[in-house]
Amino acid sequence: MKKEDLISLVKWNVYIIVTDVVVLFFFSLVSGQSSSEAVGLRQFPTLLFIESAIVFLIGSSFEMSASIFFSKVREYVFHSGEKWAVEDYEKGRKKASPYLVLGFVLLVEAFISSFLLG
C-alpha cells in the first residue's frame, strides 16, 4: 500500500467514528435518555460491526469483479470482447485492498470497544 492509501484509510476511519458518535448522540437525545447515557455508547460496537461488514462487502466485490470467473461470465452473457488479464486482476486487487484493510481496522475497533464498553 502507498502512503496516500494509509492516510486516506486513517481519514476514513476518523470520519466513520465521528459520524457514529454524532449519530448515537442525536439518537440518544431523541429517545430521551439521561445525560449520563447521552452518547449511547452501548450501540457503538454494533455500528462498527455493521460498518465493517459493509466495507468488507464493498472491498470483496471490487476484487471478485476482477476475477477470472466474473470476466468469463461477462464474456459469455454479455458477449463482450474484453478478455481477462492478470494486469486487470492486479488493478482490482489494488483497488480493493484499502477497503479490506479499513474493514479489518473497523472490525478490530469493534471488538476492542465491545470489550471496553460491554
Protein backbone atom coordinates (compact mmCIF):
# COMPACT_ATOMS: atom_id res chain seq x y z
CA MET A 1 0.00 0.00 0.00
CA LYS A 2 1.10 3.50 -0.74
CA LYS A 3 1.43 6.25 1.83
CA GLU A 4 -1.58 8.06 0.34
CA ASP A 5 -3.70 4.94 0.85
CA LEU A 6 -2.73 4.77 4.52
CA ILE A 7 -3.50 8.45 5.02
CA SER A 8 -6.90 8.06 3.38
CA LEU A 9 -7.52 4.94 5.47
CA VAL A 10 -6.91 6.91 8.68
CA LYS A 11 -9.11 9.76 7.43
CA TRP A 12 -12.00 7.42 6.60
CA ASN A 13 -11.60 5.69 9.95
CA VAL A 14 -11.85 9.03 11.76
CA TYR A 15 -14.83 10.07 9.61
CA ILE A 16 -16.65 6.84 10.43
CA ILE A 17 -16.01 7.07 14.18
CA VAL A 18 -17.03 10.75 14.37
CA THR A 19 -20.17 10.04 12.34
CA ASP A 20 -21.05 7.13 14.62
CA VAL A 21 -20.64 9.23 17.76
CA VAL A 22 -22.74 12.07 16.31
CA VAL A 23 -25.48 9.69 15.16
CA LEU A 24 -25.57 7.95 18.53
CA PHE A 25 -25.64 11.30 20.34
CA PHE A 26 -28.61 12.55 18.33
CA PHE A 27 -30.37 9.20 18.63
CA SER A 28 -29.95 9.25 22.41
CA LEU A 29 -31.24 12.84 22.57
CA VAL A 30 -34.31 11.97 20.50
CA SER A 31 -35.02 8.84 22.53
CA GLY A 32 -34.84 10.85 25.78
CA GLN A 33 -32.01 9.08 27.57
CA SER A 34 -30.42 10.74 30.57
CA SER A 35 -27.38 12.94 30.16
CA SER A 36 -25.05 10.27 31.60
CA GLU A 37 -26.08 7.95 28.74
CA ALA A 38 -26.29 10.75 26.18
CA VAL A 39 -23.72 9.33 23.80
CA GLY A 40 -25.35 5.89 23.70
CA LEU A 41 -22.04 4.06 23.78
CA ARG A 42 -23.67 0.65 24.12
CA GLN A 43 -24.64 0.74 20.43
CA PHE A 44 -21.20 1.92 19.26
CA PRO A 45 -19.68 -1.58 18.77
CA THR A 46 -22.79 -2.68 16.89
CA LEU A 47 -22.45 0.20 14.44
CA LEU A 48 -18.77 -0.61 13.95
CA PHE A 49 -19.58 -4.27 13.24
CA ILE A 50 -22.21 -3.28 10.68
CA GLU A 51 -19.89 -0.77 9.01
CA SER A 52 -17.01 -3.24 8.88
CA ALA A 53 -19.30 -5.75 7.19
CA ILE A 54 -20.36 -3.14 4.61
CA VAL A 55 -16.76 -2.12 3.92
CA PHE A 56 -15.69 -5.78 3.60
CA LEU A 57 -18.56 -6.34 1.16
CA ILE A 58 -17.51 -3.37 -0.97
CA GLY A 59 -13.85 -4.41 -1.00
CA SER A 60 -14.57 -8.03 -1.79
CA SER A 61 -16.92 -7.03 -4.61
CA PHE A 62 -14.10 -4.99 -6.20
CA GLU A 63 -11.75 -7.95 -6.00
CA MET A 64 -14.33 -10.50 -7.16
CA SER A 65 -15.39 -8.39 -10.13
CA ALA A 66 -11.80 -8.52 -11.39
CA SER A 67 -11.55 -12.30 -11.06
CA ILE A 68 -11.49 -14.70 -13.99
CA PHE A 69 -14.91 -16.16 -13.15
CA PHE A 70 -16.75 -12.87 -13.45
CA SER A 71 -14.75 -11.98 -16.53
CA LYS A 72 -15.89 -15.21 -18.20
CA VAL A 73 -19.49 -14.58 -17.11
CA ARG A 74 -19.35 -11.10 -18.68
CA GLU A 75 -17.84 -12.57 -21.80
CA TYR A 76 -20.49 -15.28 -22.28
CA VAL A 77 -23.59 -13.49 -21.01
CA PHE A 78 -23.00 -10.03 -22.43
CA HIS A 79 -20.87 -11.16 -25.41
CA SER A 80 -18.16 -8.68 -24.51
CA GLY A 81 -14.86 -8.85 -26.30
CA GLU A 82 -12.98 -7.98 -23.14
CA LYS A 83 -10.55 -10.74 -22.17
CA TRP A 84 -9.29 -11.46 -18.69
CA ALA A 85 -5.75 -10.34 -17.94
CA VAL A 86 -3.54 -10.62 -14.90
CA GLU A 87 -2.90 -6.87 -15.04
CA ASP A 88 -6.63 -6.15 -14.71
CA TYR A 89 -6.85 -8.55 -11.79
CA GLU A 90 -3.94 -6.82 -10.06
CA LYS A 91 -5.66 -3.45 -10.60
CA GLY A 92 -8.80 -4.83 -8.98
CA ARG A 93 -6.83 -6.17 -6.04
CA LYS A 94 -5.06 -2.84 -5.57
CA LYS A 95 -8.42 -1.08 -5.73
CA ALA A 96 -9.88 -3.44 -3.12
CA SER A 97 -7.00 -3.53 -0.65
CA PRO A 98 -7.75 -0.19 1.11
CA TYR A 99 -11.35 -1.28 1.68
CA LEU A 100 -10.28 -4.64 3.08
CA VAL A 101 -7.74 -3.02 5.42
CA LEU A 102 -10.31 -0.44 6.55
CA GLY A 103 -12.82 -3.21 7.19
CA PHE A 104 -10.25 -5.10 9.26
CA VAL A 105 -9.40 -1.97 11.27
CA LEU A 106 -13.10 -1.32 11.93
CA LEU A 107 -13.57 -4.94 12.99
CA VAL A 108 -10.68 -4.75 15.45
CA GLU A 109 -12.03 -1.45 16.80
CA ALA A 110 -15.46 -3.05 17.18
CA PHE A 111 -14.01 -5.94 19.20
CA ILE A 112 -11.97 -3.60 21.39
CA SER A 113 -14.88 -1.24 22.00
CA SER A 114 -17.25 -4.13 22.74
CA PHE A 115 -14.90 -5.42 25.43
CA LEU A 116 -14.29 -1.96 26.88
CA LEU A 117 -17.90 -0.78 26.79
CA GLY A 118 -19.66 -4.11 27.23
